[in-house]
Amino acid sequence: MTEHATEPTGPLIPMPEKTPAALRVALGRLDPGVLATFDQQWDEAMRQARDEYTLMPPRAFVEHWWSWVGVSRYPQRLARFRE
């Protein structure tokens, strides 16, 4: 039988809704240092959406940061991911 490693503690925060506002709050709680990057990338995604008349850049942005939060809310998962 294979033994699976378990997280000794639960997540630092609950998984936020998949919205830019909810993600920004979650990022502020997990790693405030990434907020400048988040804001810059959001502005770029919105600029690209306006210029190209497509919703794909904001959707990709939300998916990226939602995944980032999903990993980062478990410190041990984040450490393994960075390895």
C-alpha atoms as a PDB file:
ATOM      1  CA  MET A   1       0.000   0.000   0.000  1.00  0.00           C
ATOM      2  CA  THR A   2       1.326   3.416  -0.928  1.00  0.00           C
ATOM      3  CA  GLU A   3       1.193   6.045   1.758  1.00  0.00           C
ATOM      4  CA  HIS A   4       0.171   9.489   0.571  1.00  0.00           C
ATOM      5  CA  ALA A   5       1.676  12.558   2.179  1.00  0.00           C
ATOM      6  CA  THR A   6      -0.938  14.787   3.686  1.00  0.00           C
ATOM      7  CA  GLU A   7      -0.854  18.447   4.494  1.00  0.00           C
ATOM      8  CA  PRO A   8      -0.280  18.803   8.249  1.00  0.00           C
ATOM      9  CA  THR A   9      -2.431  21.904   8.247  1.00  0.00           C
ATOM     10  CA  GLY A  10      -5.273  23.094   6.101  1.00  0.00           C
ATOM     11  CA  PRO A  11      -5.149  25.955   3.644  1.00  0.00           C
ATOM     12  CA  LEU A  12      -4.112  29.388   4.876  1.00  0.00           C
ATOM     13  CA  ILE A  13      -7.242  30.895   3.318  1.00  0.00           C
ATOM     14  CA  PRO A  14     -10.363  29.520   1.629  1.00  0.00           C
ATOM     15  CA  MET A  15     -10.358  29.365  -2.153  1.00  0.00           C
ATOM     16  CA  PRO A  16     -11.673  32.716  -3.430  1.00  0.00           C
ATOM     17  CA  GLU A  17     -14.246  33.269  -6.114  1.00  0.00           C
ATOM     18  CA  LYS A  18     -12.906  33.419  -9.660  1.00  0.00           C
ATOM     19  CA  THR A  19     -13.094  37.196  -9.928  1.00  0.00           C
ATOM     20  CA  PRO A  20     -10.274  39.752 -10.125  1.00  0.00           C
ATOM     21  CA  ALA A  21     -11.492  41.505  -6.965  1.00  0.00           C
ATOM     22  CA  ALA A  22     -11.641  38.297  -4.908  1.00  0.00           C
ATOM     23  CA  LEU A  23      -8.263  37.173  -6.224  1.00  0.00           C
ATOM     24  CA  ARG A  24      -6.695  40.508  -5.313  1.00  0.00           C
ATOM     25  CA  VAL A  25      -7.936  40.171  -1.726  1.00  0.00           C
ATOM     26  CA  ALA A  26      -6.570  36.614  -1.547  1.00  0.00           C
ATOM     27  CA  LEU A  27      -3.201  37.710  -2.916  1.00  0.00           C
ATOM     28  CA  GLY A  28      -3.031  40.482  -0.355  1.00  0.00           C
ATOM     29  CA  ARG A  29      -3.448  37.904   2.392  1.00  0.00           C
ATOM     30  CA  LEU A  30      -1.018  35.346   0.921  1.00  0.00           C
ATOM     31  CA  ASP A  31       1.760  37.512  -0.530  1.00  0.00           C
ATOM     32  CA  PRO A  32       1.230  41.287  -0.690  1.00  0.00           C
ATOM     33  CA  GLY A  33       4.471  41.581  -2.657  1.00  0.00           C
ATOM     34  CA  VAL A  34       2.792  40.230  -5.802  1.00  0.00           C
ATOM     35  CA  LEU A  35       0.007  42.842  -5.860  1.00  0.00           C
ATOM     36  CA  ALA A  36       2.005  45.223  -8.062  1.00  0.00           C
ATOM     37  CA  THR A  37       2.529  42.435 -10.626  1.00  0.00           C
ATOM     38  CA  PHE A  38      -1.141  41.459 -10.383  1.00  0.00           C
ATOM     39  CA  ASP A  39      -2.270  45.040 -10.999  1.00  0.00           C
ATOM     40  CA  GLN A  40       0.151  45.527 -13.883  1.00  0.00           C
ATOM     41  CA  GLN A  41      -0.925  42.292 -15.559  1.00  0.00           C
ATOM     42  CA  TRP A  42      -4.615  43.142 -15.044  1.00  0.00           C
ATOM     43  CA  ASP A  43      -4.133  46.524 -16.699  1.00  0.00           C
ATOM     44  CA  GLU A  44      -2.332  44.867 -19.608  1.00  0.00           C
ATOM     45  CA  ALA A  45      -5.036  42.192 -19.990  1.00  0.00           C
ATOM     46  CA  MET A  46      -7.743  44.862 -20.059  1.00  0.00           C
ATOM     47  CA  ARG A  47      -5.800  47.000 -22.537  1.00  0.00           C
ATOM     48  CA  GLN A  48      -5.334  43.992 -24.807  1.00  0.00           C
ATOM     49  CA  ALA A  49      -9.028  43.083 -24.490  1.00  0.00           C
ATOM     50  CA  ARG A  50     -10.055  46.590 -25.554  1.00  0.00           C
ATOM     51  CA  ASP A  51      -7.536  46.746 -28.403  1.00  0.00           C
ATOM     52  CA  GLU A  52      -8.340  43.298 -29.795  1.00  0.00           C
ATOM     53  CA  TYR A  53     -12.067  43.095 -28.918  1.00  0.00           C
ATOM     54  CA  THR A  54     -11.643  39.792 -27.115  1.00  0.00           C
ATOM     55  CA  LEU A  55     -12.246  38.521 -23.599  1.00  0.00           C
ATOM     56  CA  MET A  56      -9.450  35.965 -23.772  1.00  0.00           C
ATOM     57  CA  PRO A  57      -6.744  38.075 -22.048  1.00  0.00           C
ATOM     58  CA  PRO A  58      -8.847  38.754 -18.913  1.00  0.00           C
ATOM     59  CA  ARG A  59      -9.971  35.117 -18.807  1.00  0.00           C
ATOM     60  CA  ALA A  60      -6.380  33.874 -19.062  1.00  0.00           C
ATOM     61  CA  PHE A  61      -5.364  36.371 -16.381  1.00  0.00           C
ATOM     62  CA  VAL A  62      -8.040  35.136 -13.962  1.00  0.00           C
ATOM     63  CA  GLU A  63      -7.173  31.471 -14.627  1.00  0.00           C
ATOM     64  CA  HIS A  64      -3.466  32.136 -14.013  1.00  0.00           C
ATOM     65  CA  TRP A  65      -3.964  33.952 -10.721  1.00  0.00           C
ATOM     66  CA  TRP A  66      -6.687  31.583  -9.516  1.00  0.00           C
ATOM     67  CA  SER A  67      -4.248  28.690 -10.021  1.00  0.00           C
ATOM     68  CA  TRP A  68      -1.517  30.671  -8.252  1.00  0.00           C
ATOM     69  CA  VAL A  69      -3.781  31.155  -5.232  1.00  0.00           C
ATOM     70  CA  GLY A  70      -4.796  27.484  -5.330  1.00  0.00           C
ATOM     71  CA  VAL A  71      -1.181  26.421  -4.901  1.00  0.00           C
ATOM     72  CA  SER A  72      -0.015  29.249  -2.644  1.00  0.00           C
ATOM     73  CA  ARG A  73      -2.675  28.810  -0.002  1.00  0.00           C
ATOM     74  CA  TYR A  74      -0.912  25.569   1.010  1.00  0.00           C
ATOM     75  CA  PRO A  75       2.674  26.494   2.011  1.00  0.00           C
ATOM     76  CA  GLN A  76       4.013  22.954   1.560  1.00  0.00           C
ATOM     77  CA  ARG A  77       2.489  22.668  -1.919  1.00  0.00           C
ATOM     78  CA  LEU A  78       4.050  25.996  -2.816  1.00  0.00           C
ATOM     79  CA  ALA A  79       7.443  24.764  -1.613  1.00  0.00           C
ATOM     80  CA  ARG A  80       7.110  21.574  -3.709  1.00  0.00           C
ATOM     81  CA  PHE A  81       5.958  23.599  -6.720  1.00  0.00           C
ATOM     82  CA  ARG A  82       8.999  25.874  -6.445  1.00  0.00           C
ATOM     83  CA  GLU A  83      11.339  22.862  -6.318  1.00  0.00           C
END
